[in-house]
Amino acid sequence: LPGALFNVAGATTGAILLFLAARWGLGQALATRM
């Protein structure tokens, strides 16, 4: 349990940071290409 929670918490935090960077930096421009 502790190891799994630490793994999930770290991975989720990193994913959120990448999510925010992508949203702020690319936004609608890349969404249109997709």
Full PDB file with SEQRES, HELIX, SHEET, SSBOND, CRYST1, ORIGX, SCALE, CONECT and MASTER records, all heavy atoms in Angstrom:
SEQRES   1 A   34  LEU PRO GLY ALA LEU PHE ASN VAL ALA GLY ALA THR THR          
SEQRES   2 A   34  GLY ALA ILE LEU LEU PHE LEU ALA ALA ARG TRP GLY LEU          
SEQRES   3 A   34  GLY GLN ALA LEU ALA THR ARG MET                              
HELIX    1 AA1 PRO A    2  GLY A   25  1                                  24    
HELIX    2 AA2 GLY A   27  ARG A   33  1                                   7    
CRYST1    1.000    1.000    1.000  90.00  90.00  90.00 P 1           1          
ORIGX1      1.000000  0.000000  0.000000        0.00000                         
ORIGX2      0.000000  1.000000  0.000000        0.00000                         
ORIGX3      0.000000  0.000000  1.000000        0.00000                         
SCALE1      1.000000  0.000000  0.000000        0.00000                         
SCALE2      0.000000  1.000000  0.000000        0.00000                         
SCALE3      0.000000  0.000000  1.000000        0.00000                         
ATOM      1  N   LEU A   1       0.801  -1.227   0.000  1.00  0.00           N  
ATOM      2  CA  LEU A   1       0.000   0.000   0.000  1.00  0.00           C  
ATOM      3  C   LEU A   1       0.830   1.272   0.000  1.00  0.00           C  
ATOM      4  O   LEU A   1       0.608   2.144  -0.851  1.00  0.00           O  
ATOM      5  CB  LEU A   1      -0.963  -0.009   1.188  1.00  0.00           C  
ATOM      6  CG  LEU A   1      -1.914   1.192   1.290  1.00  0.00           C  
ATOM      7  CD1 LEU A   1      -2.757   1.315   0.028  1.00  0.00           C  
ATOM      8  CD2 LEU A   1      -2.817   1.063   2.515  1.00  0.00           C  
ATOM      9  N   PRO A   2       1.810   1.457   0.909  1.00  0.00           N  
ATOM     10  CA  PRO A   2       2.567   2.716   0.883  1.00  0.00           C  
ATOM     11  C   PRO A   2       3.299   2.929  -0.436  1.00  0.00           C  
ATOM     12  O   PRO A   2       3.253   4.017  -1.020  1.00  0.00           O  
ATOM     13  CB  PRO A   2       3.549   2.570   2.058  1.00  0.00           C  
ATOM     14  CG  PRO A   2       2.937   1.545   2.939  1.00  0.00           C  
ATOM     15  CD  PRO A   2       2.234   0.595   2.019  1.00  0.00           C  
ATOM     16  N   GLY A   3       3.980   1.892  -0.931  1.00  0.00           N  
ATOM     17  CA  GLY A   3       4.703   2.026  -2.189  1.00  0.00           C  
ATOM     18  C   GLY A   3       3.784   2.349  -3.347  1.00  0.00           C  
ATOM     19  O   GLY A   3       4.098   3.194  -4.195  1.00  0.00           O  
ATOM     20  N   ALA A   4       2.637   1.687  -3.412  1.00  0.00           N  
ATOM     21  CA  ALA A   4       1.689   1.950  -4.490  1.00  0.00           C  
ATOM     22  C   ALA A   4       1.156   3.377  -4.423  1.00  0.00           C  
ATOM     23  O   ALA A   4       1.041   4.060  -5.447  1.00  0.00           O  
ATOM     24  CB  ALA A   4       0.533   0.952  -4.427  1.00  0.00           C  
ATOM     25  N   LEU A   5       0.834   3.844  -3.225  1.00  0.00           N  
ATOM     26  CA  LEU A   5       0.336   5.208  -3.074  1.00  0.00           C  
ATOM     27  C   LEU A   5       1.392   6.234  -3.456  1.00  0.00           C  
ATOM     28  O   LEU A   5       1.095   7.236  -4.122  1.00  0.00           O  
ATOM     29  CB  LEU A   5      -0.135   5.444  -1.640  1.00  0.00           C  
ATOM     30  CG  LEU A   5      -1.436   4.752  -1.236  1.00  0.00           C  
ATOM     31  CD1 LEU A   5      -1.757   5.025   0.227  1.00  0.00           C  
ATOM     32  CD2 LEU A   5      -2.600   5.227  -2.117  1.00  0.00           C  
ATOM     33  N   PHE A   6       2.644   6.006  -3.065  1.00  0.00           N  
ATOM     34  CA  PHE A   6       3.719   6.930  -3.428  1.00  0.00           C  
ATOM     35  C   PHE A   6       3.933   6.921  -4.944  1.00  0.00           C  
ATOM     36  O   PHE A   6       4.155   7.975  -5.555  1.00  0.00           O  
ATOM     37  CB  PHE A   6       5.020   6.550  -2.716  1.00  0.00           C  
ATOM     38  CG  PHE A   6       4.957   6.713  -1.214  1.00  0.00           C  
ATOM     39  CD1 PHE A   6       5.833   6.014  -0.392  1.00  0.00           C  
ATOM     40  CD2 PHE A   6       4.034   7.545  -0.624  1.00  0.00           C  
ATOM     41  CE1 PHE A   6       5.778   6.145   0.988  1.00  0.00           C  
ATOM     42  CE2 PHE A   6       3.961   7.684   0.763  1.00  0.00           C  
ATOM     43  CZ  PHE A   6       4.844   6.989   1.567  1.00  0.00           C  
ATOM     44  N   ASN A   7       3.874   5.738  -5.550  1.00  0.00           N  
ATOM     45  CA  ASN A   7       4.022   5.653  -7.005  1.00  0.00           C  
ATOM     46  C   ASN A   7       2.889   6.400  -7.721  1.00  0.00           C  
ATOM     47  O   ASN A   7       3.131   7.170  -8.651  1.00  0.00           O  
ATOM     48  CB  ASN A   7       4.023   4.183  -7.440  1.00  0.00           C  
ATOM     49  CG  ASN A   7       5.365   3.522  -7.228  1.00  0.00           C  
ATOM     50  OD1 ASN A   7       6.405   4.157  -7.282  1.00  0.00           O  
ATOM     51  ND2 ASN A   7       5.352   2.222  -6.966  1.00  0.00           N  
ATOM     52  N   VAL A   8       1.669   6.142  -7.290  1.00  0.00           N  
ATOM     53  CA  VAL A   8       0.518   6.768  -7.946  1.00  0.00           C  
ATOM     54  C   VAL A   8       0.525   8.280  -7.734  1.00  0.00           C  
ATOM     55  O   VAL A   8       0.238   9.047  -8.660  1.00  0.00           O  
ATOM     56  CB  VAL A   8      -0.796   6.149  -7.427  1.00  0.00           C  
ATOM     57  CG1 VAL A   8      -2.006   6.929  -7.927  1.00  0.00           C  
ATOM     58  CG2 VAL A   8      -0.902   4.690  -7.860  1.00  0.00           C  
ATOM     59  N   ALA A   9       0.870   8.719  -6.524  1.00  0.00           N  
ATOM     60  CA  ALA A   9       0.904  10.150  -6.247  1.00  0.00           C  
ATOM     61  C   ALA A   9       1.961  10.852  -7.092  1.00  0.00           C  
ATOM     62  O   ALA A   9       1.714  11.925  -7.667  1.00  0.00           O  
ATOM     63  CB  ALA A   9       1.178  10.389  -4.766  1.00  0.00           C  
ATOM     64  N   GLY A  10       3.148  10.254  -7.203  1.00  0.00           N  
ATOM     65  CA  GLY A  10       4.201  10.854  -8.014  1.00  0.00           C  
ATOM     66  C   GLY A  10       3.835  10.891  -9.485  1.00  0.00           C  
ATOM     67  O   GLY A  10       4.017  11.917 -10.163  1.00  0.00           O  
ATOM     68  N   ALA A  11       3.310   9.774 -10.006  1.00  0.00           N  
ATOM     69  CA  ALA A  11       2.944   9.715 -11.417  1.00  0.00           C  
ATOM     70  C   ALA A  11       1.805  10.680 -11.731  1.00  0.00           C  
ATOM     71  O   ALA A  11       1.810  11.349 -12.780  1.00  0.00           O  
ATOM     72  CB  ALA A  11       2.543   8.292 -11.793  1.00  0.00           C  
ATOM     73  N   THR A  12       0.819  10.777 -10.842  1.00  0.00           N  
ATOM     74  CA  THR A  12      -0.307  11.680 -11.069  1.00  0.00           C  
ATOM     75  C   THR A  12       0.148  13.133 -11.056  1.00  0.00           C  
ATOM     76  O   THR A  12      -0.291  13.945 -11.902  1.00  0.00           O  
ATOM     77  CB  THR A  12      -1.390  11.468  -9.998  1.00  0.00           C  
ATOM     78  OG1 THR A  12      -1.840  10.107 -10.047  1.00  0.00           O  
ATOM     79  CG2 THR A  12      -2.574  12.390 -10.231  1.00  0.00           C  
ATOM     80  N   THR A  13       1.029  13.492 -10.131  1.00  0.00           N  
ATOM     81  CA  THR A  13       1.544  14.862 -10.080  1.00  0.00           C  
ATOM     82  C   THR A  13       2.282  15.213 -11.363  1.00  0.00           C  
ATOM     83  O   THR A  13       2.078  16.287 -11.947  1.00  0.00           O  
ATOM     84  CB  THR A  13       2.483  15.033  -8.872  1.00  0.00           C  
ATOM     85  OG1 THR A  13       1.779  14.733  -7.668  1.00  0.00           O  
ATOM     86  CG2 THR A  13       3.016  16.458  -8.802  1.00  0.00           C  
ATOM     87  N   GLY A  14       3.137  14.313 -11.822  1.00  0.00           N  
ATOM     88  CA  GLY A  14       3.853  14.559 -13.074  1.00  0.00           C  
ATOM     89  C   GLY A  14       2.920  14.658 -14.260  1.00  0.00           C  
ATOM     90  O   GLY A  14       3.108  15.503 -15.149  1.00  0.00           O  
ATOM     91  N   ALA A  15       1.902  13.799 -14.302  1.00  0.00           N  
ATOM     92  CA  ALA A  15       0.931  13.839 -15.397  1.00  0.00           C  
ATOM     93  C   ALA A  15       0.175  15.158 -15.414  1.00  0.00           C  
ATOM     94  O   ALA A  15      -0.080  15.737 -16.486  1.00  0.00           O  
ATOM     95  CB  ALA A  15      -0.042  12.667 -15.272  1.00  0.00           C  
ATOM     96  N   ILE A  16      -0.186  15.661 -14.243  1.00  0.00           N  
ATOM     97  CA  ILE A  16      -0.897  16.940 -14.158  1.00  0.00           C  
ATOM     98  C   ILE A  16      -0.019  18.075 -14.670  1.00  0.00           C  
ATOM     99  O   ILE A  16      -0.486  18.971 -15.400  1.00  0.00           O  
ATOM    100  CB  ILE A  16      -1.352  17.210 -12.710  1.00  0.00           C  
ATOM    101  CG1 ILE A  16      -2.487  16.253 -12.328  1.00  0.00           C  
ATOM    102  CG2 ILE A  16      -1.804  18.654 -12.534  1.00  0.00           C  
ATOM    103  CD1 ILE A  16      -2.897  16.334 -10.870  1.00  0.00           C  
ATOM    104  N   LEU A  17       1.261  18.063 -14.310  1.00  0.00           N  
ATOM    105  CA  LEU A  17       2.174  19.111 -14.778  1.00  0.00           C  
ATOM    106  C   LEU A  17       2.293  19.088 -16.302  1.00  0.00           C  
ATOM    107  O   LEU A  17       2.272  20.145 -16.951  1.00  0.00           O  
ATOM    108  CB  LEU A  17       3.551  18.931 -14.130  1.00  0.00           C  
ATOM    109  CG  LEU A  17       3.618  19.163 -12.619  1.00  0.00           C  
ATOM    110  CD1 LEU A  17       5.007  18.823 -12.092  1.00  0.00           C  
ATOM    111  CD2 LEU A  17       3.255  20.602 -12.273  1.00  0.00           C  
ATOM    112  N   LEU A  18       2.413  17.887 -16.876  1.00  0.00           N  
ATOM    113  CA  LEU A  18       2.492  17.771 -18.326  1.00  0.00           C  
ATOM    114  C   LEU A  18       1.179  18.191 -18.978  1.00  0.00           C  
ATOM    115  O   LEU A  18       1.166  18.860 -20.025  1.00  0.00           O  
ATOM    116  CB  LEU A  18       2.845  16.333 -18.712  1.00  0.00           C  
ATOM    117  CG  LEU A  18       3.049  16.050 -20.200  1.00  0.00           C  
ATOM    118  CD1 LEU A  18       4.111  16.958 -20.794  1.00  0.00           C  
ATOM    119  CD2 LEU A  18       3.423  14.586 -20.413  1.00  0.00           C  
ATOM    120  N   PHE A  19       0.068  17.809 -18.373  1.00  0.00           N  
ATOM    121  CA  PHE A  19      -1.262  18.193 -18.848  1.00  0.00           C  
ATOM    122  C   PHE A  19      -1.400  19.720 -18.905  1.00  0.00           C  
ATOM    123  O   PHE A  19      -1.849  20.293 -19.913  1.00  0.00           O  
ATOM    124  CB  PHE A  19      -2.302  17.584 -17.905  1.00  0.00           C  
ATOM    125  CG  PHE A  19      -3.720  18.041 -18.119  1.00  0.00           C  
ATOM    126  CD1 PHE A  19      -4.562  17.373 -18.999  1.00  0.00           C  
ATOM    127  CD2 PHE A  19      -4.238  19.120 -17.419  1.00  0.00           C  
ATOM    128  CE1 PHE A  19      -5.879  17.780 -19.172  1.00  0.00           C  
ATOM    129  CE2 PHE A  19      -5.550  19.528 -17.583  1.00  0.00           C  
ATOM    130  CZ  PHE A  19      -6.364  18.864 -18.474  1.00  0.00           C  
ATOM    131  N   LEU A  20      -1.000  20.398 -17.843  1.00  0.00           N  
ATOM    132  CA  LEU A  20      -1.115  21.857 -17.788  1.00  0.00           C  
ATOM    133  C   LEU A  20      -0.183  22.526 -18.787  1.00  0.00           C  
ATOM    134  O   LEU A  20      -0.556  23.512 -19.431  1.00  0.00           O  
ATOM    135  CB  LEU A  20      -0.815  22.347 -16.366  1.00  0.00           C  
ATOM    136  CG  LEU A  20      -1.830  21.954 -15.297  1.00  0.00           C  
ATOM    137  CD1 LEU A  20      -1.349  22.387 -13.915  1.00  0.00           C  
ATOM    138  CD2 LEU A  20      -3.201  22.567 -15.596  1.00  0.00           C  
ATOM    139  N   ALA A  21       1.024  21.989 -18.940  1.00  0.00           N  
ATOM    140  CA  ALA A  21       1.967  22.569 -19.899  1.00  0.00           C  
ATOM    141  C   ALA A  21       1.444  22.432 -21.323  1.00  0.00           C  
ATOM    142  O   ALA A  21       1.540  23.361 -22.132  1.00  0.00           O  
ATOM    143  CB  ALA A  21       3.333  21.884 -19.764  1.00  0.00           C  
ATOM    144  N   ALA A  22       0.860  21.266 -21.641  1.00  0.00           N  
ATOM    145  CA  ALA A  22       0.321  21.052 -22.979  1.00  0.00           C  
ATOM    146  C   ALA A  22      -0.873  21.950 -23.242  1.00  0.00           C  
ATOM    147  O   ALA A  22      -0.999  22.544 -24.317  1.00  0.00           O  
ATOM    148  CB  ALA A  22      -0.063  19.580 -23.151  1.00  0.00           C  
ATOM    149  N   ARG A  23      -1.752  22.069 -22.258  1.00  0.00           N  
ATOM    150  CA  ARG A  23      -2.933  22.912 -22.436  1.00  0.00           C  
ATOM    151  C   ARG A  23      -2.544  24.376 -22.631  1.00  0.00           C  
ATOM    152  O   ARG A  23      -3.088  25.074 -23.476  1.00  0.00           O  
ATOM    153  CB  ARG A  23      -3.860  22.764 -21.231  1.00  0.00           C  
ATOM    154  CG  ARG A  23      -4.980  23.802 -21.195  1.00  0.00           C  
ATOM    155  CD  ARG A  23      -5.996  23.506 -20.128  1.00  0.00           C  
ATOM    156  NE  ARG A  23      -6.794  22.338 -20.492  1.00  0.00           N  
ATOM    157  CZ  ARG A  23      -7.777  21.846 -19.741  1.00  0.00           C  
ATOM    158  NH1 ARG A  23      -8.062  22.400 -18.581  1.00  0.00           N  
ATOM    159  NH2 ARG A  23      -8.472  20.805 -20.140  1.00  0.00           N  
ATOM    160  N   TRP A  24      -1.606  24.842 -21.830  1.00  0.00           N  
ATOM    161  CA  TRP A  24      -1.221  26.253 -21.888  1.00  0.00           C  
ATOM    162  C   TRP A  24      -0.397  26.553 -23.134  1.00  0.00           C  
ATOM    163  O   TRP A  24      -0.532  27.598 -23.752  1.00  0.00           O  
ATOM    164  CB  TRP A  24      -0.421  26.619 -20.638  1.00  0.00           C  
ATOM    165  CG  TRP A  24      -0.282  28.092 -20.428  1.00  0.00           C  
ATOM    166  CD1 TRP A  24      -1.289  28.986 -20.234  1.00  0.00           C  
ATOM    167  CD2 TRP A  24       0.923  28.843 -20.390  1.00  0.00           C  
ATOM    168  NE1 TRP A  24      -0.783  30.260 -20.070  1.00  0.00           N  
ATOM    169  CE2 TRP A  24       0.581  30.195 -20.146  1.00  0.00           C  
ATOM    170  CE3 TRP A  24       2.274  28.508 -20.497  1.00  0.00           C  
ATOM    171  CZ2 TRP A  24       1.529  31.212 -20.044  1.00  0.00           C  
ATOM    172  CZ3 TRP A  24       3.218  29.514 -20.385  1.00  0.00           C  
ATOM    173  CH2 TRP A  24       2.850  30.846 -20.167  1.00  0.00           C  
ATOM    174  N   GLY A  25       0.468  25.611 -23.529  1.00  0.00           N  
ATOM    175  CA  GLY A  25       1.387  25.889 -24.616  1.00  0.00           C  
ATOM    176  C   GLY A  25       0.865  25.583 -25.998  1.00  0.00           C  
ATOM    177  O   GLY A  25       1.240  26.245 -26.966  1.00  0.00           O  
ATOM    178  N   LEU A  26      -0.004  24.582 -26.122  1.00  0.00           N  
ATOM    179  CA  LEU A  26      -0.465  24.166 -27.440  1.00  0.00           C  
ATOM    180  C   LEU A  26      -1.922  24.520 -27.684  1.00  0.00           C  
ATOM    181  O   LEU A  26      -2.262  25.108 -28.704  1.00  0.00           O  
ATOM    182  CB  LEU A  26      -0.254  22.661 -27.619  1.00  0.00           C  
ATOM    183  CG  LEU A  26       1.201  22.200 -27.572  1.00  0.00           C  
ATOM    184  CD1 LEU A  26       1.263  20.689 -27.664  1.00  0.00           C  
ATOM    185  CD2 LEU A  26       1.997  22.828 -28.696  1.00  0.00           C  
ATOM    186  N   GLY A  27      -2.761  24.123 -26.743  1.00  0.00           N  
ATOM    187  CA  GLY A  27      -4.164  24.508 -26.808  1.00  0.00           C  
ATOM    188  C   GLY A  27      -4.840  24.179 -28.115  1.00  0.00           C  
ATOM    189  O   GLY A  27      -4.712  23.096 -28.665  1.00  0.00           O  
ATOM    190  N   GLN A  28      -5.530  25.166 -28.650  1.00  0.00           N  
ATOM    191  CA  GLN A  28      -6.402  24.957 -29.796  1.00  0.00           C  
ATOM    192  C   GLN A  28      -5.635  24.651 -31.076  1.00  0.00           C  
ATOM    193  O   GLN A  28      -6.140  23.958 -31.952  1.00  0.00           O  
ATOM    194  CB  GLN A  28      -7.276  26.206 -30.016  1.00  0.00           C  
ATOM    195  CG  GLN A  28      -8.378  26.014 -31.051  1.00  0.00           C  
ATOM    196  CD  GLN A  28      -9.329  24.872 -30.660  1.00  0.00           C  
ATOM    197  OE1 GLN A  28      -9.667  24.727 -29.496  1.00  0.00           O  
ATOM    198  NE2 GLN A  28      -9.734  24.074 -31.640  1.00  0.00           N  
ATOM    199  N   ALA A  29      -4.414  25.138 -31.182  1.00  0.00           N  
ATOM    200  CA  ALA A  29      -3.656  24.940 -32.420  1.00  0.00           C  
ATOM    201  C   ALA A  29      -3.449  23.463 -32.721  1.00  0.00           C  
ATOM    202  O   ALA A  29      -3.732  22.988 -33.826  1.00  0.00           O  
ATOM    203  CB  ALA A  29      -2.307  25.652 -32.327  1.00  0.00           C  
ATOM    204  N   LEU A  30      -2.968  22.710 -31.733  1.00  0.00           N  
ATOM    205  CA  LEU A  30      -2.741  21.283 -31.945  1.00  0.00           C  
ATOM    206  C   LEU A  30      -4.052  20.516 -31.977  1.00  0.00           C  
ATOM    207  O   LEU A  30      -4.182  19.526 -32.698  1.00  0.00           O  
ATOM    208  CB  LEU A  30      -1.822  20.725 -30.862  1.00  0.00           C  
ATOM    209  CG  LEU A  30      -1.359  19.285 -31.062  1.00  0.00           C  
ATOM    210  CD1 LEU A  30      -0.683  19.122 -32.415  1.00  0.00           C  
ATOM    211  CD2 LEU A  30      -0.418  18.869 -29.944  1.00  0.00           C  
ATOM    212  N   ALA A  31      -5.038  20.956 -31.214  1.00  0.00           N  
ATOM    213  CA  ALA A  31      -6.337  20.288 -31.239  1.00  0.00           C  
ATOM    214  C   ALA A  31      -6.933  20.333 -32.649  1.00  0.00           C  
ATOM    215  O   ALA A  31      -7.551  19.375 -33.110  1.00  0.00           O  
ATOM    216  CB  ALA A  31      -7.276  20.947 -30.244  1.00  0.00           C  
ATOM    217  N   THR A  32      -6.752  21.451 -33.355  1.00  0.00           N  
ATOM    218  CA  THR A  32      -7.245  21.575 -34.725  1.00  0.00           C  
ATOM    219  C   THR A  32      -6.547  20.600 -35.650  1.00  0.00           C  
ATOM    220  O   THR A  32      -7.169  19.965 -36.502  1.00  0.00           O  
ATOM    221  CB  THR A  32      -7.041  23.011 -35.230  1.00  0.00           C  
ATOM    222  OG1 THR A  32      -7.734  23.915 -34.359  1.00  0.00           O  
ATOM    223  CG2 THR A  32      -7.578  23.173 -36.644  1.00  0.00           C  
ATOM    224  N   ARG A  33      -5.234  20.445 -35.469  1.00  0.00           N  
ATOM    225  CA  ARG A  33      -4.491  19.480 -36.282  1.00  0.00           C  
ATOM    226  C   ARG A  33      -4.953  18.053 -36.002  1.00  0.00           C  
ATOM    227  O   ARG A  33      -5.045  17.227 -36.920  1.00  0.00           O  
ATOM    228  CB  ARG A  33      -2.994  19.594 -35.998  1.00  0.00           C  
ATOM    229  CG  ARG A  33      -2.371  20.888 -36.499  1.00  0.00           C  
ATOM    230  CD  ARG A  33      -0.867  20.848 -36.324  1.00  0.00           C  
ATOM    231  NE  ARG A  33      -0.253  22.078 -36.777  1.00  0.00           N  
ATOM    232  CZ  ARG A  33       1.069  22.293 -36.788  1.00  0.00           C  
ATOM    233  NH1 ARG A  33       1.882  21.344 -36.359  1.00  0.00           N  
ATOM    234  NH2 ARG A  33       1.548  23.446 -37.209  1.00  0.00           N  
ATOM    235  N   MET A  34      -5.229  17.763 -34.742  1.00  0.00           N  
ATOM    236  CA  MET A  34      -5.691  16.428 -34.391  1.00  0.00           C  
ATOM    237  C   MET A  34      -7.042  16.130 -35.018  1.00  0.00           C  
ATOM    238  O   MET A  34      -7.336  15.000 -35.407  1.00  0.00           O  
ATOM    239  CB  MET A  34      -5.759  16.274 -32.879  1.00  0.00           C  
ATOM    240  CG  MET A  34      -4.396  16.275 -32.190  1.00  0.00           C  
ATOM    241  SD  MET A  34      -4.522  16.329 -30.401  1.00  0.00           S  
ATOM    242  CE  MET A  34      -5.358  14.785 -30.088  1.00  0.00           C  
TER     243      MET A  34                                                      
MASTER        0    0    0    2    0    0    0    6  242    1    0    3          
END                                                                             
